Amino acid sequence: MRKSITRKSLSLTGLLGALLALAFSINLGQAAPNPMQQGPMQDGARHFQRADYKAAIASWQPLAIKGNPVAQNNLGILYLDGKGVKQDTAEAVRYLSLSAASGSSLGQNNLGGLYREGKGVPRDYAKAAQWFTASAAQGNAAAMYNLGLMYELGQGLKAEPSRAHMWYALSAGQDAVVNAAAHRDALWNRMTPAAQKQAKQMTATCKGMAYKGCR
């Protein structure tokens, strides 16, 4: 019996810890970090990993107010999940919107997740795809996976198996999203030889473009 695969957006739920960990360790698609902000960022990371969410907020909030997009993303997630603060979806949307607008691939992916799920904002697949695409162009594996879902399911986009497979394959290639390889392989088995050939070509082309300009 073929094992069924649940297709769920990897934006907020399930990727919370992984996305925050990425925000701590590397700057995905950001400008060079401000050395003066590295200490508080790392302090916040340590507090978060110890489940001391109030202390994490105390470390990150001043940075977020100064416009640090990674700190804004992290605060948005904490407000969304009600960790260290009273759960406040509107405040989560505000922080994630600031982060996304400042170019954070993390904020862009997470804001796309809100639009895809209609959480705190009206459900809008076009805006979700816009933010996922911006994030994926910076190499964010979760955003690539989310685009794969949208192209496979035809959510606000024309259903295109070859393009969906391309995004799943690019995401799986980074080994950062647990379900990406399974979805890539399951979709491949349902595709025609012509579609498989097209998907391979598209994946190679997108890699060659460093994910820029891919759809």
Protein backbone atom coordinates (compact mmCIF):
# COMPACT_ATOMS: atom_id res chain seq x y z
CA MET A 1 0.00 0.00 0.00
CA ARG A 2 1.38 3.40 -0.94
CA LYS A 3 1.94 5.63 2.05
CA SER A 4 -0.10 8.80 1.89
CA ILE A 5 1.63 12.15 2.32
CA THR A 6 -0.03 15.05 4.08
CA ARG A 7 0.62 18.31 2.28
CA LYS A 8 0.95 21.08 4.83
CA SER A 9 2.45 24.52 4.46
CA LEU A 10 5.86 24.70 6.09
CA SER A 11 5.72 28.25 7.25
CA LEU A 12 4.91 28.64 10.93
CA THR A 13 3.62 25.43 12.47
CA GLY A 14 6.22 22.69 12.60
CA LEU A 15 9.08 24.84 11.31
CA LEU A 16 9.06 27.25 14.24
CA GLY A 17 12.15 25.83 15.90
CA ALA A 18 13.97 25.22 12.63
CA LEU A 19 13.34 28.70 11.27
CA LEU A 20 14.39 30.36 14.49
CA ALA A 21 17.51 28.23 14.62
CA LEU A 22 18.40 29.42 11.13
CA ALA A 23 17.86 32.98 12.23
CA PHE A 24 20.34 32.45 15.05
CA SER A 25 23.11 30.79 13.12
CA ILE A 26 23.18 32.44 9.72
CA ASN A 27 21.81 35.49 7.97
CA LEU A 28 19.73 34.16 5.10
CA GLY A 29 19.70 36.76 2.35
CA GLN A 30 20.51 39.63 4.71
CA ALA A 31 23.09 42.34 4.60
CA ALA A 32 26.21 41.78 6.70
CA PRO A 33 25.16 41.69 10.37
CA ASN A 34 25.85 44.68 12.61
CA PRO A 35 28.55 43.54 15.09
CA MET A 36 26.88 45.62 17.82
CA GLN A 37 23.71 43.55 17.42
CA GLN A 38 25.31 40.12 17.36
CA GLY A 39 25.58 39.86 21.15
CA PRO A 40 21.88 40.53 21.86
CA MET A 41 20.86 38.26 18.96
CA GLN A 42 22.91 35.40 20.39
CA ASP A 43 21.68 36.12 23.90
CA GLY A 44 18.11 35.89 22.65
CA ALA A 45 18.92 32.61 20.92
CA ARG A 46 20.29 31.11 24.12
CA HIS A 47 17.24 32.26 26.08
CA PHE A 48 14.90 30.82 23.46
CA GLN A 49 16.67 27.46 23.47
CA ARG A 50 16.24 27.36 27.25
CA ALA A 51 12.53 28.18 26.85
CA ASP A 52 13.05 31.51 28.63
CA TYR A 53 10.90 33.34 26.11
CA LYS A 54 10.47 36.55 28.11
CA ALA A 55 14.24 36.96 28.27
CA ALA A 56 14.48 36.23 24.52
CA ILE A 57 11.97 38.99 23.84
CA ALA A 58 13.92 41.38 26.08
CA SER A 59 17.03 40.68 23.98
CA TRP A 60 15.38 40.94 20.58
CA GLN A 61 12.82 43.70 21.02
CA PRO A 62 15.34 46.61 21.07
CA LEU A 63 16.90 45.21 17.89
CA ALA A 64 13.49 44.86 16.24
CA ILE A 65 12.66 48.47 17.09
CA LYS A 66 15.94 49.51 15.45
CA GLY A 67 14.87 47.65 12.31
CA ASN A 68 16.74 44.35 12.55
CA PRO A 69 14.68 42.09 10.24
CA VAL A 70 15.73 38.80 11.87
CA ALA A 71 14.76 40.07 15.33
CA GLN A 72 11.46 41.27 13.85
CA ASN A 73 10.85 37.80 12.40
CA ASN A 74 11.63 36.12 15.71
CA LEU A 75 9.32 38.43 17.66
CA GLY A 76 6.58 37.85 15.10
CA ILE A 77 6.82 34.11 15.67
CA LEU A 78 6.75 34.49 19.45
CA TYR A 79 3.68 36.73 19.31
CA LEU A 80 2.01 34.30 16.94
CA ASP A 81 2.68 31.38 19.27
CA GLY A 82 2.10 33.27 22.52
CA LYS A 83 5.53 32.44 23.93
CA GLY A 84 6.75 34.95 26.50
CA VAL A 85 3.90 37.29 25.61
CA LYS A 86 0.14 37.16 25.33
CA GLN A 87 -0.76 35.61 21.97
CA ASP A 88 -1.40 38.47 19.55
CA THR A 89 -1.85 37.62 15.88
CA ALA A 90 -2.12 41.28 14.85
CA GLU A 91 1.25 42.03 16.46
CA ALA A 92 2.70 38.93 14.81
CA VAL A 93 1.52 40.16 11.42
CA ARG A 94 3.01 43.59 12.11
CA TYR A 95 6.44 42.24 13.00
CA LEU A 96 6.53 39.69 10.18
CA SER A 97 5.43 42.35 7.68
CA LEU A 98 8.28 44.61 8.81
CA SER A 99 10.74 41.73 8.56
CA ALA A 100 9.53 40.71 5.09
CA ALA A 101 9.57 44.28 3.79
CA SER A 102 13.16 44.64 5.01
CA GLY A 103 14.16 41.65 2.89
CA SER A 104 14.43 38.85 5.45
CA SER A 105 13.85 35.51 3.74
CA LEU A 106 12.59 34.18 7.07
CA GLY A 107 10.05 36.97 7.46
CA GLN A 108 8.99 36.65 3.83
CA ASN A 109 8.36 32.92 4.15
CA ASN A 110 6.48 33.28 7.41
CA LEU A 111 4.35 36.17 6.14
CA GLY A 112 3.58 34.08 3.07
CA GLY A 113 2.43 31.35 5.44
CA LEU A 114 0.00 33.72 7.12
CA TYR A 115 -1.52 34.71 3.78
CA ARG A 116 -1.70 31.09 2.64
CA GLU A 117 -3.49 30.00 5.81
CA GLY A 118 -5.55 33.19 6.23
CA LYS A 119 -4.21 33.68 9.75
CA GLY A 120 -4.40 37.27 10.95
CA VAL A 121 -4.92 38.42 7.37
CA PRO A 122 -7.47 37.54 4.70
CA ARG A 123 -6.44 34.39 2.84
CA ASP A 124 -4.68 35.54 -0.31
CA TYR A 125 -2.85 32.92 -2.36
CA ALA A 126 -1.41 35.54 -4.74
CA LYS A 127 0.27 37.40 -1.87
CA ALA A 128 1.40 34.11 -0.35
CA ALA A 129 3.06 33.13 -3.63
CA GLN A 130 4.64 36.58 -3.91
CA TRP A 131 6.29 36.32 -0.50
CA PHE A 132 7.28 32.67 -0.93
CA THR A 133 8.88 33.55 -4.27
CA ALA A 134 10.84 36.44 -2.76
CA SER A 135 12.06 34.17 0.03
CA ALA A 136 12.91 31.27 -2.29
CA ALA A 137 14.98 33.63 -4.46
CA GLN A 138 17.24 34.02 -1.42
CA GLY A 139 17.61 30.25 -1.06
CA ASN A 140 15.06 29.63 1.71
CA ALA A 141 14.26 25.90 1.56
CA ALA A 142 10.93 26.20 3.39
CA ALA A 143 9.70 28.81 0.89
CA MET A 144 10.73 26.54 -1.97
CA TYR A 145 8.71 23.72 -0.43
CA ASN A 146 5.71 26.02 0.02
CA LEU A 147 5.87 27.05 -3.63
CA GLY A 148 5.99 23.38 -4.57
CA LEU A 149 2.76 22.83 -2.64
CA MET A 150 1.05 25.78 -4.29
CA TYR A 151 2.04 24.70 -7.81
CA GLU A 152 1.07 21.09 -7.13
CA LEU A 153 -2.32 21.99 -5.66
CA GLY A 154 -3.05 24.96 -7.92
CA GLN A 155 -3.50 27.36 -5.03
CA GLY A 156 -3.65 30.80 -6.61
CA LEU A 157 -1.35 29.52 -9.33
CA LYS A 158 -1.90 27.32 -12.34
CA ALA A 159 -1.26 23.72 -11.31
CA GLU A 160 2.06 22.77 -12.89
CA PRO A 161 3.52 19.42 -11.82
CA SER A 162 6.90 20.10 -13.42
CA ARG A 163 7.28 23.43 -11.64
CA ALA A 164 6.04 21.95 -8.37
CA HIS A 165 8.64 19.18 -8.68
CA MET A 166 11.34 21.76 -9.40
CA TRP A 167 10.65 23.58 -6.13
CA TYR A 168 10.40 20.33 -4.13
CA ALA A 169 13.72 19.19 -5.61
CA LEU A 170 15.46 22.48 -4.86
CA SER A 171 14.14 22.39 -1.30
CA ALA A 172 15.12 18.74 -0.80
CA GLY A 173 18.60 19.51 -2.09
CA GLN A 174 19.25 21.63 0.98
CA ASP A 175 18.30 18.85 3.44
CA ALA A 176 16.48 21.37 5.63
CA VAL A 177 12.81 20.43 5.15
CA VAL A 178 11.83 16.96 6.31
CA ASN A 179 9.00 16.28 3.82
CA ALA A 180 10.50 17.86 0.72
CA ALA A 181 12.18 14.71 -0.63
CA ALA A 182 9.09 12.58 -0.01
CA HIS A 183 6.86 15.04 -1.87
CA ARG A 184 9.40 15.33 -4.69
CA ASP A 185 9.51 11.57 -5.14
CA ALA A 186 5.74 11.03 -4.82
CA LEU A 187 5.04 13.68 -7.44
CA TRP A 188 7.75 12.29 -9.76
CA ASN A 189 6.05 8.89 -9.75
CA ARG A 190 2.82 10.47 -11.00
CA MET A 191 4.42 12.51 -13.78
CA THR A 192 4.74 11.62 -17.46
CA PRO A 193 8.23 11.09 -18.92
CA ALA A 194 7.89 14.40 -20.76
CA ALA A 195 6.99 16.23 -17.56
CA GLN A 196 9.88 14.55 -15.73
CA LYS A 197 12.32 15.70 -18.39
CA GLN A 198 10.96 19.24 -18.19
CA ALA A 199 11.22 19.24 -14.39
CA LYS A 200 14.88 18.18 -14.53
CA GLN A 201 15.68 20.94 -17.00
CA MET A 202 13.83 23.55 -14.95
CA THR A 203 15.62 22.51 -11.75
CA ALA A 204 19.04 22.75 -13.39
CA THR A 205 18.20 26.13 -14.91
CA CYS A 206 16.94 27.56 -11.61
CA LYS A 207 20.05 26.34 -9.79
CA GLY A 208 22.19 27.95 -12.46
CA MET A 209 20.39 31.23 -11.87
CA ALA A 210 21.04 30.97 -8.11
CA TYR A 211 17.24 30.81 -7.63
CA LYS A 212 16.80 34.34 -9.01
CA GLY A 213 14.01 34.82 -11.55
CA CYS A 214 12.59 31.30 -11.08
CA ARG A 215 8.84 30.92 -10.69
